[in-house]
Amino acid sequence: MKCAEIAAETKLGKLIAKTAGITLACLVALILILFGVFTIFFPSVMVEITDFCGMEKASARYAVSVYTRSNDIDDLADVVERAYYAESWSIAADYGERLSAREDFESYCEKADASANAKPGGYAQFTAGLIAVSQYKLGNNAEALEAALTPNRQSFTENNAAVTLAMTVIADGDKDFASEILGELRGLLENINFDMEADITNLETLISVVESYCQSQA
């Protein structure tokens, strides 16, 4: 009798385990199906989900899909920022350049600068800084310098892309590139006459900071 009961219990246990396995498999299949549906048809949902889960790189890639569908400058700006902070440098550099090249970029910057969340130095400088740093992180030093200095040849505000790039390079301990930046900054000071005295002061201050770093022993 006891043997029969044990056999029955064993059979029941196997049945429960089998049922649980089938249920789990169905759940996994359903999740994968939903994941695929959201990925294809609702990439904006996936941006939020992956961001909530701390999957920054995946969130940046889904943001690209959102922009590809909408062609909206707000979505493009979102791609650049998400990719930059996720350290997806190639996406940040590529789409940052697309953003700054758009015909409506200037008006977008004016709108961003007038908002409550305006970036120090302005949105145009902020974007140029993201592009410059991303190019630097990719090992494209010439492109990084071009991105950082191009918007600063007519004026040199306190917070600009050149400052962003220089501070990043110093933080990374890259003295070789810091020396290259220093040479470009000195050339800028010698060859360009800024209208505002504050511009000259800002440039001289940055030169002094980079120069001190290049001459340091550490």
C-alpha atoms as a PDB file:
ATOM      1  CA  MET A   1       0.000   0.000   0.000  1.00  0.00           C
ATOM      2  CA  LYS A   2       2.758   2.365   0.948  1.00  0.00           C
ATOM      3  CA  CYS A   3       4.618   1.575  -2.259  1.00  0.00           C
ATOM      4  CA  ALA A   4       1.487   2.386  -4.271  1.00  0.00           C
ATOM      5  CA  GLU A   5       1.103   5.689  -2.436  1.00  0.00           C
ATOM      6  CA  ILE A   6       4.734   6.588  -3.007  1.00  0.00           C
ATOM      7  CA  ALA A   7       4.403   5.754  -6.696  1.00  0.00           C
ATOM      8  CA  ALA A   8       1.258   7.887  -6.950  1.00  0.00           C
ATOM      9  CA  GLU A   9       2.943  10.789  -5.202  1.00  0.00           C
ATOM     10  CA  THR A  10       5.990  10.493  -7.465  1.00  0.00           C
ATOM     11  CA  LYS A  11       3.780  10.467 -10.548  1.00  0.00           C
ATOM     12  CA  LEU A  12       1.845  13.492  -9.256  1.00  0.00           C
ATOM     13  CA  GLY A  13       5.093  15.319  -8.545  1.00  0.00           C
ATOM     14  CA  LYS A  14       6.359  14.653 -12.042  1.00  0.00           C
ATOM     15  CA  LEU A  15       3.053  15.860 -13.483  1.00  0.00           C
ATOM     16  CA  ILE A  16       3.227  19.077 -11.452  1.00  0.00           C
ATOM     17  CA  ALA A  17       6.826  19.641 -12.456  1.00  0.00           C
ATOM     18  CA  LYS A  18       5.971  19.006 -16.104  1.00  0.00           C
ATOM     19  CA  THR A  19       3.021  21.397 -15.931  1.00  0.00           C
ATOM     20  CA  ALA A  20       5.146  24.053 -14.252  1.00  0.00           C
ATOM     21  CA  GLY A  21       7.804  23.620 -16.935  1.00  0.00           C
ATOM     22  CA  ILE A  22       5.254  24.012 -19.713  1.00  0.00           C
ATOM     23  CA  THR A  23       3.779  27.090 -18.009  1.00  0.00           C
ATOM     24  CA  LEU A  24       7.229  28.650 -17.622  1.00  0.00           C
ATOM     25  CA  ALA A  25       8.063  27.914 -21.258  1.00  0.00           C
ATOM     26  CA  CYS A  26       4.794  29.530 -22.350  1.00  0.00           C
ATOM     27  CA  LEU A  27       5.524  32.572 -20.202  1.00  0.00           C
ATOM     28  CA  VAL A  28       9.025  32.933 -21.663  1.00  0.00           C
ATOM     29  CA  ALA A  29       7.615  32.565 -25.189  1.00  0.00           C
ATOM     30  CA  LEU A  30       4.975  35.198 -24.469  1.00  0.00           C
ATOM     31  CA  ILE A  31       7.569  37.597 -23.067  1.00  0.00           C
ATOM     32  CA  LEU A  32       9.756  37.106 -26.137  1.00  0.00           C
ATOM     33  CA  ILE A  33       6.801  37.695 -28.438  1.00  0.00           C
ATOM     34  CA  LEU A  34       5.818  40.870 -26.576  1.00  0.00           C
ATOM     35  CA  PHE A  35       9.451  41.995 -26.571  1.00  0.00           C
ATOM     36  CA  GLY A  36       9.596  41.537 -30.338  1.00  0.00           C
ATOM     37  CA  VAL A  37       6.293  43.349 -30.873  1.00  0.00           C
ATOM     38  CA  PHE A  38       7.340  46.337 -28.757  1.00  0.00           C
ATOM     39  CA  THR A  39      10.754  46.408 -30.418  1.00  0.00           C
ATOM     40  CA  ILE A  40       9.275  46.542 -33.910  1.00  0.00           C
ATOM     41  CA  PHE A  41       6.106  48.539 -33.398  1.00  0.00           C
ATOM     42  CA  PHE A  42       6.643  50.507 -30.190  1.00  0.00           C
ATOM     43  CA  PRO A  43      10.353  51.411 -29.875  1.00  0.00           C
ATOM     44  CA  SER A  44       9.466  54.396 -27.671  1.00  0.00           C
ATOM     45  CA  VAL A  45       8.105  51.954 -25.094  1.00  0.00           C
ATOM     46  CA  MET A  46      11.361  50.001 -25.241  1.00  0.00           C
ATOM     47  CA  VAL A  47      13.313  53.223 -24.679  1.00  0.00           C
ATOM     48  CA  GLU A  48      11.521  53.705 -21.378  1.00  0.00           C
ATOM     49  CA  ILE A  49      11.672  50.046 -20.345  1.00  0.00           C
ATOM     50  CA  THR A  50      15.388  49.668 -21.010  1.00  0.00           C
ATOM     51  CA  ASP A  51      16.102  53.011 -19.367  1.00  0.00           C
ATOM     52  CA  PHE A  52      14.136  51.966 -16.273  1.00  0.00           C
ATOM     53  CA  CYS A  53      16.095  48.705 -16.148  1.00  0.00           C
ATOM     54  CA  GLY A  54      19.410  50.567 -16.324  1.00  0.00           C
ATOM     55  CA  MET A  55      20.174  49.309 -19.839  1.00  0.00           C
ATOM     56  CA  GLU A  56      21.467  52.669 -21.111  1.00  0.00           C
ATOM     57  CA  LYS A  57      23.134  51.405 -24.291  1.00  0.00           C
ATOM     58  CA  ALA A  58      20.012  49.489 -25.331  1.00  0.00           C
ATOM     59  CA  SER A  59      17.903  52.553 -24.543  1.00  0.00           C
ATOM     60  CA  ALA A  60      20.091  54.653 -26.856  1.00  0.00           C
ATOM     61  CA  ARG A  61      19.699  52.143 -29.682  1.00  0.00           C
ATOM     62  CA  TYR A  62      15.916  52.131 -29.308  1.00  0.00           C
ATOM     63  CA  ALA A  63      15.995  55.933 -29.287  1.00  0.00           C
ATOM     64  CA  VAL A  64      17.641  55.734 -32.711  1.00  0.00           C
ATOM     65  CA  SER A  65      14.683  53.658 -33.930  1.00  0.00           C
ATOM     66  CA  VAL A  66      12.260  56.250 -32.558  1.00  0.00           C
ATOM     67  CA  TYR A  67      14.074  59.071 -34.391  1.00  0.00           C
ATOM     68  CA  THR A  68      14.350  57.062 -37.622  1.00  0.00           C
ATOM     69  CA  ARG A  69      10.556  56.822 -37.667  1.00  0.00           C
ATOM     70  CA  SER A  70       9.726  60.350 -36.607  1.00  0.00           C
ATOM     71  CA  ASN A  71      12.588  62.467 -38.025  1.00  0.00           C
ATOM     72  CA  ASP A  72      11.711  64.835 -35.185  1.00  0.00           C
ATOM     73  CA  ILE A  73      14.547  66.983 -33.846  1.00  0.00           C
ATOM     74  CA  ASP A  74      13.447  66.369 -30.254  1.00  0.00           C
ATOM     75  CA  ASP A  75      13.904  62.639 -30.801  1.00  0.00           C
ATOM     76  CA  LEU A  76      17.285  63.235 -32.437  1.00  0.00           C
ATOM     77  CA  ALA A  77      18.466  65.327 -29.499  1.00  0.00           C
ATOM     78  CA  ASP A  78      17.288  62.538 -27.199  1.00  0.00           C
ATOM     79  CA  VAL A  79      19.385  60.018 -29.159  1.00  0.00           C
ATOM     80  CA  VAL A  80      22.522  62.134 -28.785  1.00  0.00           C
ATOM     81  CA  GLU A  81      22.159  62.662 -25.047  1.00  0.00           C
ATOM     82  CA  ARG A  82      21.208  59.052 -24.288  1.00  0.00           C
ATOM     83  CA  ALA A  83      24.076  57.713 -26.377  1.00  0.00           C
ATOM     84  CA  TYR A  84      26.592  60.102 -24.807  1.00  0.00           C
ATOM     85  CA  TYR A  85      25.685  59.263 -21.219  1.00  0.00           C
ATOM     86  CA  ALA A  86      25.588  55.558 -22.117  1.00  0.00           C
ATOM     87  CA  GLU A  87      29.121  55.958 -23.539  1.00  0.00           C
ATOM     88  CA  SER A  88      27.914  54.762 -26.929  1.00  0.00           C
ATOM     89  CA  TRP A  89      30.416  57.102 -28.521  1.00  0.00           C
ATOM     90  CA  SER A  90      29.894  56.185 -32.182  1.00  0.00           C
ATOM     91  CA  ILE A  91      26.142  56.828 -31.946  1.00  0.00           C
ATOM     92  CA  ALA A  92      26.654  60.072 -30.023  1.00  0.00           C
ATOM     93  CA  ALA A  93      29.203  61.365 -32.539  1.00  0.00           C
ATOM     94  CA  ASP A  94      27.249  60.322 -35.623  1.00  0.00           C
ATOM     95  CA  TYR A  95      23.847  61.568 -34.522  1.00  0.00           C
ATOM     96  CA  GLY A  96      25.325  64.627 -32.834  1.00  0.00           C
ATOM     97  CA  GLU A  97      26.722  65.709 -36.183  1.00  0.00           C
ATOM     98  CA  ARG A  98      23.347  65.031 -37.803  1.00  0.00           C
ATOM     99  CA  LEU A  99      21.689  67.161 -35.134  1.00  0.00           C
ATOM    100  CA  SER A 100      24.013  70.142 -35.567  1.00  0.00           C
ATOM    101  CA  ALA A 101      23.671  69.916 -39.369  1.00  0.00           C
ATOM    102  CA  ARG A 102      19.878  70.173 -39.396  1.00  0.00           C
ATOM    103  CA  GLU A 103      18.330  73.334 -40.800  1.00  0.00           C
ATOM    104  CA  ASP A 104      16.127  73.676 -37.732  1.00  0.00           C
ATOM    105  CA  PHE A 105      19.011  73.259 -35.259  1.00  0.00           C
ATOM    106  CA  GLU A 106      19.445  76.993 -34.673  1.00  0.00           C
ATOM    107  CA  SER A 107      15.770  77.502 -33.850  1.00  0.00           C
ATOM    108  CA  TYR A 108      15.860  74.390 -31.666  1.00  0.00           C
ATOM    109  CA  CYS A 109      18.808  75.851 -29.741  1.00  0.00           C
ATOM    110  CA  GLU A 110      16.965  79.139 -29.244  1.00  0.00           C
ATOM    111  CA  LYS A 111      14.006  77.241 -27.837  1.00  0.00           C
ATOM    112  CA  ALA A 112      16.242  75.107 -25.600  1.00  0.00           C
ATOM    113  CA  ASP A 113      18.138  78.156 -24.324  1.00  0.00           C
ATOM    114  CA  ALA A 114      14.870  79.852 -23.374  1.00  0.00           C
ATOM    115  CA  SER A 115      13.626  76.844 -21.413  1.00  0.00           C
ATOM    116  CA  ALA A 116      13.900  76.258 -17.673  1.00  0.00           C
ATOM    117  CA  ASN A 117      16.423  73.476 -18.324  1.00  0.00           C
ATOM    118  CA  ALA A 118      18.816  75.570 -20.415  1.00  0.00           C
ATOM    119  CA  LYS A 119      22.359  74.245 -20.628  1.00  0.00           C
ATOM    120  CA  PRO A 120      25.267  76.376 -19.341  1.00  0.00           C
ATOM    121  CA  GLY A 121      26.847  78.051 -22.358  1.00  0.00           C
ATOM    122  CA  GLY A 122      23.849  77.292 -24.547  1.00  0.00           C
ATOM    123  CA  TYR A 123      22.552  74.195 -26.293  1.00  0.00           C
ATOM    124  CA  ALA A 124      24.714  74.638 -29.400  1.00  0.00           C
ATOM    125  CA  GLN A 125      27.878  74.565 -27.287  1.00  0.00           C
ATOM    126  CA  PHE A 126      26.514  71.667 -25.262  1.00  0.00           C
ATOM    127  CA  THR A 127      25.926  69.644 -28.435  1.00  0.00           C
ATOM    128  CA  ALA A 128      29.342  70.535 -29.856  1.00  0.00           C
ATOM    129  CA  GLY A 129      30.900  69.403 -26.586  1.00  0.00           C
ATOM    130  CA  LEU A 130      29.152  66.027 -26.740  1.00  0.00           C
ATOM    131  CA  ILE A 131      30.332  65.533 -30.316  1.00  0.00           C
ATOM    132  CA  ALA A 132      33.897  66.579 -29.506  1.00  0.00           C
ATOM    133  CA  VAL A 133      34.202  64.289 -26.485  1.00  0.00           C
ATOM    134  CA  SER A 134      32.612  61.386 -28.363  1.00  0.00           C
ATOM    135  CA  GLN A 135      35.067  61.778 -31.232  1.00  0.00           C
ATOM    136  CA  TYR A 136      37.925  61.927 -28.731  1.00  0.00           C
ATOM    137  CA  LYS A 137      36.735  58.758 -27.004  1.00  0.00           C
ATOM    138  CA  LEU A 138      36.670  57.088 -30.431  1.00  0.00           C
ATOM    139  CA  GLY A 139      40.304  58.089 -30.957  1.00  0.00           C
ATOM    140  CA  ASN A 140      39.456  60.707 -33.595  1.00  0.00           C
ATOM    141  CA  ASN A 141      41.455  63.601 -32.121  1.00  0.00           C
ATOM    142  CA  ALA A 142      41.422  65.777 -35.234  1.00  0.00           C
ATOM    143  CA  GLU A 143      37.642  65.501 -35.521  1.00  0.00           C
ATOM    144  CA  ALA A 144      37.305  66.197 -31.804  1.00  0.00           C
ATOM    145  CA  LEU A 145      39.329  69.410 -32.076  1.00  0.00           C
ATOM    146  CA  GLU A 146      37.369  70.527 -35.116  1.00  0.00           C
ATOM    147  CA  ALA A 147      34.054  69.959 -33.341  1.00  0.00           C
ATOM    148  CA  ALA A 148      35.228  71.814 -30.234  1.00  0.00           C
ATOM    149  CA  LEU A 149      36.851  74.827 -31.887  1.00  0.00           C
ATOM    150  CA  THR A 150      34.631  75.513 -34.905  1.00  0.00           C
ATOM    151  CA  PRO A 151      31.797  77.131 -32.893  1.00  0.00           C
ATOM    152  CA  ASN A 152      34.317  79.187 -30.883  1.00  0.00           C
ATOM    153  CA  ARG A 153      36.234  81.092 -33.522  1.00  0.00           C
ATOM    154  CA  GLN A 154      34.016  84.177 -33.391  1.00  0.00           C
ATOM    155  CA  SER A 155      33.543  84.287 -29.638  1.00  0.00           C
ATOM    156  CA  PHE A 156      34.759  82.323 -26.625  1.00  0.00           C
ATOM    157  CA  THR A 157      32.144  82.039 -23.903  1.00  0.00           C
ATOM    158  CA  GLU A 158      32.864  80.819 -20.393  1.00  0.00           C
ATOM    159  CA  ASN A 159      31.204  77.441 -20.950  1.00  0.00           C
ATOM    160  CA  ASN A 160      31.888  76.077 -24.399  1.00  0.00           C
ATOM    161  CA  ALA A 161      32.779  72.906 -26.288  1.00  0.00           C
ATOM    162  CA  ALA A 162      36.522  73.590 -26.154  1.00  0.00           C
ATOM    163  CA  VAL A 163      36.356  73.756 -22.359  1.00  0.00           C
ATOM    164  CA  THR A 164      34.351  70.520 -22.263  1.00  0.00           C
ATOM    165  CA  LEU A 165      36.872  68.706 -24.433  1.00  0.00           C
ATOM    166  CA  ALA A 166      39.917  70.075 -22.609  1.00  0.00           C
ATOM    167  CA  MET A 167      38.558  69.145 -19.169  1.00  0.00           C
ATOM    168  CA  THR A 168      37.725  65.635 -20.370  1.00  0.00           C
ATOM    169  CA  VAL A 169      41.207  65.152 -21.809  1.00  0.00           C
ATOM    170  CA  ILE A 170      42.787  66.368 -18.567  1.00  0.00           C
ATOM    171  CA  ALA A 171      40.549  64.078 -16.529  1.00  0.00           C
ATOM    172  CA  ASP A 172      41.667  61.172 -18.718  1.00  0.00           C
ATOM    173  CA  GLY A 173      45.332  62.045 -18.142  1.00  0.00           C
ATOM    174  CA  ASP A 174      46.033  62.395 -21.851  1.00  0.00           C
ATOM    175  CA  LYS A 175      48.960  64.843 -21.892  1.00  0.00           C
ATOM    176  CA  ASP A 176      49.789  64.284 -25.547  1.00  0.00           C
ATOM    177  CA  PHE A 177      46.387  65.422 -26.720  1.00  0.00           C
ATOM    178  CA  ALA A 178      46.267  68.142 -24.064  1.00  0.00           C
ATOM    179  CA  SER A 179      49.474  69.569 -25.572  1.00  0.00           C
ATOM    180  CA  GLU A 180      47.873  69.488 -28.996  1.00  0.00           C
ATOM    181  CA  ILE A 181      44.829  71.310 -27.668  1.00  0.00           C
ATOM    182  CA  LEU A 182      47.101  73.871 -25.996  1.00  0.00           C
ATOM    183  CA  GLY A 183      48.810  74.613 -29.296  1.00  0.00           C
ATOM    184  CA  GLU A 184      45.465  75.167 -31.009  1.00  0.00           C
ATOM    185  CA  LEU A 185      44.243  77.437 -28.221  1.00  0.00           C
ATOM    186  CA  ARG A 186      47.416  79.537 -28.381  1.00  0.00           C
ATOM    187  CA  GLY A 187      47.026  79.841 -32.128  1.00  0.00           C
ATOM    188  CA  LEU A 188      43.429  80.922 -31.654  1.00  0.00           C
ATOM    189  CA  LEU A 189      44.501  83.630 -29.219  1.00  0.00           C
ATOM    190  CA  GLU A 190      47.210  84.926 -31.551  1.00  0.00           C
ATOM    191  CA  ASN A 191      45.215  84.967 -34.774  1.00  0.00           C
ATOM    192  CA  ILE A 192      41.671  85.936 -33.794  1.00  0.00           C
ATOM    193  CA  ASN A 193      40.488  89.279 -32.510  1.00  0.00           C
ATOM    194  CA  PHE A 194      37.442  88.776 -30.335  1.00  0.00           C
ATOM    195  CA  ASP A 195      34.970  91.635 -29.980  1.00  0.00           C
ATOM    196  CA  MET A 196      34.444  91.075 -26.262  1.00  0.00           C
ATOM    197  CA  GLU A 197      37.236  91.369 -23.726  1.00  0.00           C
ATOM    198  CA  ALA A 198      35.511  88.625 -21.734  1.00  0.00           C
ATOM    199  CA  ASP A 199      36.126  86.227 -24.635  1.00  0.00           C
ATOM    200  CA  ILE A 200      39.867  86.847 -24.459  1.00  0.00           C
ATOM    201  CA  THR A 201      39.812  86.390 -20.688  1.00  0.00           C
ATOM    202  CA  ASN A 202      37.932  83.093 -21.020  1.00  0.00           C
ATOM    203  CA  LEU A 203      40.383  81.814 -23.621  1.00  0.00           C
ATOM    204  CA  GLU A 204      43.403  82.898 -21.596  1.00  0.00           C
ATOM    205  CA  THR A 205      41.968  81.164 -18.538  1.00  0.00           C
ATOM    206  CA  LEU A 206      41.556  77.881 -20.411  1.00  0.00           C
ATOM    207  CA  ILE A 207      45.054  78.172 -21.855  1.00  0.00           C
ATOM    208  CA  SER A 208      46.407  78.667 -18.346  1.00  0.00           C
ATOM    209  CA  VAL A 209      44.586  75.585 -17.042  1.00  0.00           C
ATOM    210  CA  VAL A 210      45.734  73.335 -19.891  1.00  0.00           C
ATOM    211  CA  GLU A 211      49.261  74.749 -19.741  1.00  0.00           C
ATOM    212  CA  SER A 212      49.520  74.064 -16.000  1.00  0.00           C
ATOM    213  CA  TYR A 213      48.377  70.492 -16.570  1.00  0.00           C
ATOM    214  CA  CYS A 214      50.864  69.916 -19.378  1.00  0.00           C
ATOM    215  CA  GLN A 215      53.697  71.222 -17.219  1.00  0.00           C
ATOM    216  CA  SER A 216      52.729  69.168 -14.174  1.00  0.00           C
ATOM    217  CA  GLN A 217      54.808  66.153 -13.178  1.00  0.00           C
ATOM    218  CA  ALA A 218      51.903  63.783 -12.492  1.00  0.00           C
END
